[in-house]
Amino acid sequence: MAIISHQIGKALCDALQLPKQTRSFVLRVEAGNVVTVECEYYPEGEFVTALAEYELVRRPEVKVAPPAIHFDAWMRERTDAAHAAYMARHKRGGQAYPQNSIVELARYFSVPLEGIR
């Protein structure tokens, strides 16, 4: 099946971003080489033809930066999460350390009672 230039010519010119008054172009594709386009066109406002040669290169991928976050809001989030974790931890096990007397503290830390009193 043959494709005639007027069937895909405009679409290719648009895709390759060639000048509007393109007369003809040659698309060269070789394995291991850069793709080149040789374009013959009429410069705007003139009746002479011009010849231009292009090399196709990949366009860099546009990366979108993550949305900016306000530092105070971020810090408040972190503080609230840390506080909630602290409260949950201490709600489960009661107090972290015995606070009634020196004797209970000594027992908790396995310290001999002789030297404390």
N, C-alpha and C. Protein backbone atom coordinates (compact mmCIF):
# COMPACT_ATOMS: atom_id res chain seq x y z
N MET A 1 0.85 -1.18 0.00
CA MET A 1 0.00 0.00 0.00
C MET A 1 0.89 1.24 0.00
N ALA A 2 0.67 2.13 -0.91
CA ALA A 2 1.46 3.36 -1.02
C ALA A 2 0.72 4.52 -0.35
N ILE A 3 1.49 5.39 0.26
CA ILE A 3 0.93 6.59 0.86
C ILE A 3 1.40 7.78 0.03
N ILE A 4 0.48 8.61 -0.38
CA ILE A 4 0.81 9.79 -1.18
C ILE A 4 1.09 10.95 -0.23
N SER A 5 2.05 11.81 -0.61
CA SER A 5 2.52 12.87 0.29
C SER A 5 1.41 13.80 0.78
N HIS A 6 0.43 14.10 -0.07
CA HIS A 6 -0.60 15.02 0.39
C HIS A 6 -1.49 14.39 1.47
N GLN A 7 -1.42 13.07 1.63
CA GLN A 7 -2.22 12.41 2.67
C GLN A 7 -1.63 12.60 4.07
N ILE A 8 -0.31 12.64 4.16
CA ILE A 8 0.31 12.78 5.48
C ILE A 8 1.28 13.96 5.57
N GLY A 9 1.47 14.67 4.49
CA GLY A 9 2.45 15.76 4.44
C GLY A 9 2.22 16.83 5.49
N LYS A 10 0.98 17.35 5.58
CA LYS A 10 0.69 18.41 6.54
C LYS A 10 0.87 17.93 7.96
N ALA A 11 0.44 16.72 8.24
CA ALA A 11 0.59 16.18 9.60
C ALA A 11 2.06 16.04 9.98
N LEU A 12 2.88 15.58 9.03
CA LEU A 12 4.32 15.47 9.29
C LEU A 12 4.97 16.84 9.48
N CYS A 13 4.60 17.81 8.62
CA CYS A 13 5.14 19.17 8.76
C CYS A 13 4.80 19.74 10.13
N ASP A 14 3.58 19.54 10.58
CA ASP A 14 3.16 20.03 11.90
C ASP A 14 3.93 19.31 13.01
N ALA A 15 4.06 17.99 12.88
CA ALA A 15 4.76 17.22 13.91
C ALA A 15 6.23 17.60 13.98
N LEU A 16 6.85 17.88 12.84
CA LEU A 16 8.27 18.24 12.80
C LEU A 16 8.49 19.75 13.00
N GLN A 17 7.40 20.50 13.10
CA GLN A 17 7.44 21.96 13.27
C GLN A 17 8.23 22.64 12.15
N LEU A 18 7.94 22.24 10.92
CA LEU A 18 8.58 22.84 9.75
C LEU A 18 7.86 24.14 9.40
N PRO A 19 8.51 25.02 8.61
CA PRO A 19 7.87 26.29 8.24
C PRO A 19 6.55 26.06 7.50
N LYS A 20 5.66 27.07 7.58
CA LYS A 20 4.33 26.94 6.95
C LYS A 20 4.42 26.77 5.44
N GLN A 21 5.35 27.46 4.78
CA GLN A 21 5.44 27.41 3.32
C GLN A 21 6.44 26.35 2.87
N THR A 22 6.39 25.17 3.48
CA THR A 22 7.30 24.09 3.10
C THR A 22 6.93 23.59 1.71
N ARG A 23 7.93 23.51 0.84
CA ARG A 23 7.71 23.00 -0.51
C ARG A 23 7.91 21.49 -0.53
N SER A 24 9.01 21.07 0.11
CA SER A 24 9.29 19.63 0.19
C SER A 24 10.26 19.40 1.35
N PHE A 25 10.32 18.17 1.80
CA PHE A 25 11.32 17.83 2.81
C PHE A 25 11.70 16.37 2.68
N VAL A 26 12.92 16.08 3.15
CA VAL A 26 13.44 14.72 3.12
C VAL A 26 13.74 14.35 4.57
N LEU A 27 13.20 13.25 5.00
CA LEU A 27 13.40 12.75 6.36
C LEU A 27 14.37 11.58 6.28
N ARG A 28 15.58 11.72 6.88
CA ARG A 28 16.59 10.66 6.83
C ARG A 28 16.66 9.95 8.18
N VAL A 29 16.45 8.64 8.13
CA VAL A 29 16.53 7.83 9.35
C VAL A 29 17.49 6.70 9.09
N GLU A 30 18.58 6.66 9.86
CA GLU A 30 19.58 5.60 9.73
C GLU A 30 19.83 5.03 11.11
N ALA A 31 19.94 3.71 11.16
CA ALA A 31 20.22 3.08 12.45
C ALA A 31 21.56 3.58 12.98
N GLY A 32 21.58 3.98 14.24
CA GLY A 32 22.81 4.43 14.87
C GLY A 32 23.18 5.87 14.58
N ASN A 33 22.39 6.59 13.77
CA ASN A 33 22.68 8.00 13.46
C ASN A 33 21.52 8.89 13.90
N VAL A 34 21.79 10.18 13.92
CA VAL A 34 20.77 11.16 14.27
C VAL A 34 19.78 11.27 13.12
N VAL A 35 18.51 11.43 13.42
CA VAL A 35 17.48 11.64 12.41
C VAL A 35 17.62 13.07 11.89
N THR A 36 17.69 13.24 10.58
CA THR A 36 17.81 14.58 10.01
C THR A 36 16.65 14.86 9.07
N VAL A 37 16.34 16.15 8.93
CA VAL A 37 15.28 16.61 8.03
C VAL A 37 15.88 17.70 7.16
N GLU A 38 15.81 17.51 5.86
CA GLU A 38 16.23 18.53 4.91
C GLU A 38 14.95 19.15 4.36
N CYS A 39 14.80 20.46 4.52
CA CYS A 39 13.52 21.11 4.20
C CYS A 39 13.72 22.23 3.18
N GLU A 40 12.91 22.21 2.13
CA GLU A 40 12.91 23.28 1.14
C GLU A 40 11.61 24.06 1.33
N TYR A 41 11.73 25.38 1.54
CA TYR A 41 10.53 26.17 1.82
C TYR A 41 10.65 27.57 1.24
N TYR A 42 9.53 28.27 1.20
CA TYR A 42 9.49 29.65 0.74
C TYR A 42 9.46 30.55 1.97
N PRO A 43 10.51 31.38 2.16
CA PRO A 43 10.48 32.30 3.30
C PRO A 43 9.30 33.26 3.17
N GLU A 44 8.75 33.67 4.28
CA GLU A 44 7.57 34.53 4.27
C GLU A 44 7.86 35.84 3.57
N GLY A 45 6.99 36.21 2.65
CA GLY A 45 7.12 37.49 1.95
C GLY A 45 8.10 37.47 0.78
N GLU A 46 8.72 36.35 0.48
CA GLU A 46 9.69 36.27 -0.62
C GLU A 46 9.31 35.13 -1.56
N PHE A 47 9.78 35.22 -2.81
CA PHE A 47 9.48 34.18 -3.78
C PHE A 47 10.66 33.27 -4.06
N VAL A 48 11.76 33.44 -3.33
CA VAL A 48 12.91 32.56 -3.52
C VAL A 48 12.78 31.37 -2.57
N THR A 49 13.39 30.29 -2.94
CA THR A 49 13.32 29.12 -2.06
C THR A 49 14.53 29.11 -1.14
N ALA A 50 14.34 28.53 -0.02
CA ALA A 50 15.43 28.40 0.95
C ALA A 50 15.55 26.94 1.33
N LEU A 51 16.72 26.57 1.78
CA LEU A 51 16.97 25.19 2.16
C LEU A 51 17.47 25.19 3.61
N ALA A 52 16.87 24.39 4.43
CA ALA A 52 17.29 24.29 5.83
C ALA A 52 17.47 22.83 6.18
N GLU A 53 18.38 22.55 7.11
CA GLU A 53 18.61 21.18 7.55
C GLU A 53 18.49 21.15 9.07
N TYR A 54 17.75 20.20 9.57
CA TYR A 54 17.50 20.07 11.00
C TYR A 54 17.98 18.71 11.48
N GLU A 55 18.32 18.64 12.76
CA GLU A 55 18.58 17.36 13.42
C GLU A 55 17.53 17.22 14.51
N LEU A 56 16.87 16.09 14.52
CA LEU A 56 15.85 15.86 15.54
C LEU A 56 16.52 15.42 16.83
N VAL A 57 16.14 16.04 17.91
CA VAL A 57 16.64 15.66 19.22
C VAL A 57 15.45 15.45 20.14
N ARG A 58 15.65 14.65 21.15
CA ARG A 58 14.57 14.42 22.11
C ARG A 58 14.35 15.68 22.93
N ARG A 59 13.10 15.99 23.15
CA ARG A 59 12.79 17.10 24.04
C ARG A 59 12.93 16.61 25.46
N PRO A 60 13.48 17.44 26.34
CA PRO A 60 13.62 16.99 27.73
C PRO A 60 12.25 16.82 28.36
N GLU A 61 12.17 15.82 29.21
CA GLU A 61 10.91 15.55 29.90
C GLU A 61 10.67 16.67 30.91
N VAL A 62 9.47 17.20 30.89
CA VAL A 62 9.14 18.29 31.81
C VAL A 62 8.76 17.67 33.14
N LYS A 63 9.48 18.06 34.18
CA LYS A 63 9.19 17.54 35.52
C LYS A 63 8.53 18.65 36.32
N VAL A 64 7.44 18.29 36.93
CA VAL A 64 6.70 19.26 37.72
C VAL A 64 7.16 19.15 39.17
N ALA A 65 7.50 20.28 39.75
CA ALA A 65 7.94 20.29 41.15
C ALA A 65 6.74 20.01 42.05
N PRO A 66 6.99 19.33 43.17
CA PRO A 66 5.88 19.10 44.10
C PRO A 66 5.38 20.44 44.64
N PRO A 67 4.12 20.50 45.01
CA PRO A 67 3.60 21.78 45.51
C PRO A 67 4.35 22.19 46.78
N ALA A 68 4.59 23.48 46.89
CA ALA A 68 5.30 24.00 48.06
C ALA A 68 4.43 23.85 49.29
N ILE A 69 5.06 23.54 50.42
CA ILE A 69 4.31 23.42 51.66
C ILE A 69 4.83 24.47 52.62
N HIS A 70 3.94 25.08 53.29
CA HIS A 70 4.30 26.12 54.25
C HIS A 70 4.99 25.46 55.44
N PHE A 71 6.14 25.97 55.85
CA PHE A 71 6.94 25.32 56.89
C PHE A 71 6.17 25.20 58.21
N ASP A 72 5.45 26.25 58.60
CA ASP A 72 4.73 26.20 59.87
C ASP A 72 3.66 25.10 59.87
N ALA A 73 2.97 24.97 58.74
CA ALA A 73 1.95 23.92 58.64
C ALA A 73 2.60 22.54 58.69
N TRP A 74 3.73 22.39 58.00
CA TRP A 74 4.45 21.12 58.00
C TRP A 74 4.92 20.78 59.42
N MET A 75 5.49 21.77 60.12
CA MET A 75 5.99 21.54 61.47
C MET A 75 4.84 21.23 62.44
N ARG A 76 3.72 21.90 62.27
CA ARG A 76 2.56 21.64 63.13
C ARG A 76 2.07 20.20 62.92
N GLU A 77 2.03 19.77 61.65
CA GLU A 77 1.64 18.38 61.35
C GLU A 77 2.55 17.39 62.05
N ARG A 78 3.85 17.60 61.94
CA ARG A 78 4.83 16.70 62.56
C ARG A 78 4.70 16.70 64.08
N THR A 79 4.53 17.89 64.67
CA THR A 79 4.41 18.00 66.12
C THR A 79 3.15 17.31 66.61
N ASP A 80 2.04 17.54 65.91
CA ASP A 80 0.78 16.89 66.30
C ASP A 80 0.88 15.38 66.22
N ALA A 81 1.53 14.87 65.16
CA ALA A 81 1.69 13.41 65.01
C ALA A 81 2.58 12.85 66.11
N ALA A 82 3.67 13.55 66.44
CA ALA A 82 4.56 13.08 67.50
C ALA A 82 3.85 13.11 68.84
N HIS A 83 3.07 14.16 69.10
CA HIS A 83 2.34 14.26 70.37
C HIS A 83 1.30 13.15 70.48
N ALA A 84 0.58 12.88 69.37
CA ALA A 84 -0.43 11.81 69.39
C ALA A 84 0.23 10.46 69.66
N ALA A 85 1.39 10.21 69.06
CA ALA A 85 2.11 8.95 69.30
C ALA A 85 2.56 8.86 70.75
N TYR A 86 3.04 9.96 71.31
CA TYR A 86 3.48 9.99 72.71
C TYR A 86 2.30 9.69 73.64
N MET A 87 1.17 10.35 73.39
CA MET A 87 -0.01 10.13 74.24
C MET A 87 -0.50 8.69 74.14
N ALA A 88 -0.51 8.14 72.95
CA ALA A 88 -0.95 6.75 72.77
C ALA A 88 -0.02 5.79 73.50
N ARG A 89 1.27 6.06 73.43
CA ARG A 89 2.25 5.20 74.09
C ARG A 89 2.06 5.22 75.60
N HIS A 90 1.81 6.37 76.18
CA HIS A 90 1.69 6.49 77.63
C HIS A 90 0.31 6.13 78.13
N LYS A 91 -0.68 6.18 77.26
CA LYS A 91 -2.03 5.76 77.65
C LYS A 91 -2.08 4.25 77.85
N ARG A 92 -1.35 3.54 76.99
CA ARG A 92 -1.33 2.08 77.07
C ARG A 92 -0.68 1.58 78.35
N GLY A 93 0.50 2.13 78.66
CA GLY A 93 1.28 1.57 79.77
C GLY A 93 1.25 2.39 81.03
N GLY A 94 0.38 3.37 81.15
CA GLY A 94 0.37 4.21 82.33
C GLY A 94 1.58 5.12 82.32
N GLN A 95 2.13 5.36 83.48
CA GLN A 95 3.29 6.24 83.58
C GLN A 95 4.54 5.50 83.12
N ALA A 96 5.47 6.25 82.58
CA ALA A 96 6.69 5.63 82.08
C ALA A 96 7.58 5.18 83.22
N TYR A 97 7.66 5.97 84.29
CA TYR A 97 8.51 5.64 85.43
C TYR A 97 7.68 5.75 86.71
N PRO A 98 8.00 4.91 87.72
CA PRO A 98 7.29 5.05 89.00
C PRO A 98 7.66 6.39 89.64
N GLN A 99 6.69 7.05 90.24
CA GLN A 99 6.97 8.37 90.79
C GLN A 99 6.59 8.47 92.27
N ASN A 100 6.29 7.37 92.92
CA ASN A 100 5.80 7.45 94.29
C ASN A 100 6.91 7.67 95.31
N SER A 101 7.99 6.94 95.19
CA SER A 101 9.02 7.08 96.21
C SER A 101 10.38 6.69 95.65
N ILE A 102 11.40 7.03 96.42
CA ILE A 102 12.77 6.69 96.05
C ILE A 102 12.93 5.17 96.06
N VAL A 103 12.25 4.50 96.95
CA VAL A 103 12.37 3.04 97.04
C VAL A 103 11.84 2.40 95.75
N GLU A 104 10.72 2.89 95.24
CA GLU A 104 10.16 2.33 94.00
C GLU A 104 11.09 2.61 92.82
N LEU A 105 11.68 3.79 92.80
CA LEU A 105 12.64 4.11 91.72
C LEU A 105 13.85 3.20 91.78
N ALA A 106 14.34 2.94 92.98
CA ALA A 106 15.51 2.05 93.14
C ALA A 106 15.18 0.65 92.66
N ARG A 107 13.98 0.17 93.00
CA ARG A 107 13.56 -1.16 92.53
C ARG A 107 13.42 -1.17 91.00
N TYR A 108 12.87 -0.11 90.46
CA TYR A 108 12.65 -0.03 89.01
C TYR A 108 13.97 -0.10 88.27
N PHE A 109 14.99 0.59 88.77
CA PHE A 109 16.29 0.62 88.09
C PHE A 109 17.27 -0.40 88.64
N SER A 110 16.80 -1.30 89.50
CA SER A 110 17.63 -2.38 90.08
C SER A 110 18.86 -1.83 90.78
N VAL A 111 18.65 -0.83 91.60
CA VAL A 111 19.72 -0.24 92.39
C VAL A 111 19.59 -0.77 93.83
N PRO A 112 20.71 -1.17 94.46
CA PRO A 112 20.63 -1.66 95.84
C PRO A 112 20.10 -0.55 96.76
N LEU A 113 19.25 -0.93 97.70
CA LEU A 113 18.61 0.04 98.60
C LEU A 113 19.52 0.53 99.71
N GLU A 114 20.64 -0.16 100.00
CA GLU A 114 21.49 0.20 101.13
C GLU A 114 22.04 1.62 101.02
N GLY A 115 22.48 2.04 99.86
CA GLY A 115 23.14 3.33 99.71
C GLY A 115 22.18 4.48 99.48
N ILE A 116 20.87 4.25 99.36
CA ILE A 116 19.92 5.30 99.02
C ILE A 116 19.45 6.07 100.24
N ARG A 117 19.17 5.44 101.36
CA ARG A 117 18.58 6.11 102.51
C ARG A 117 19.58 6.84 103.27
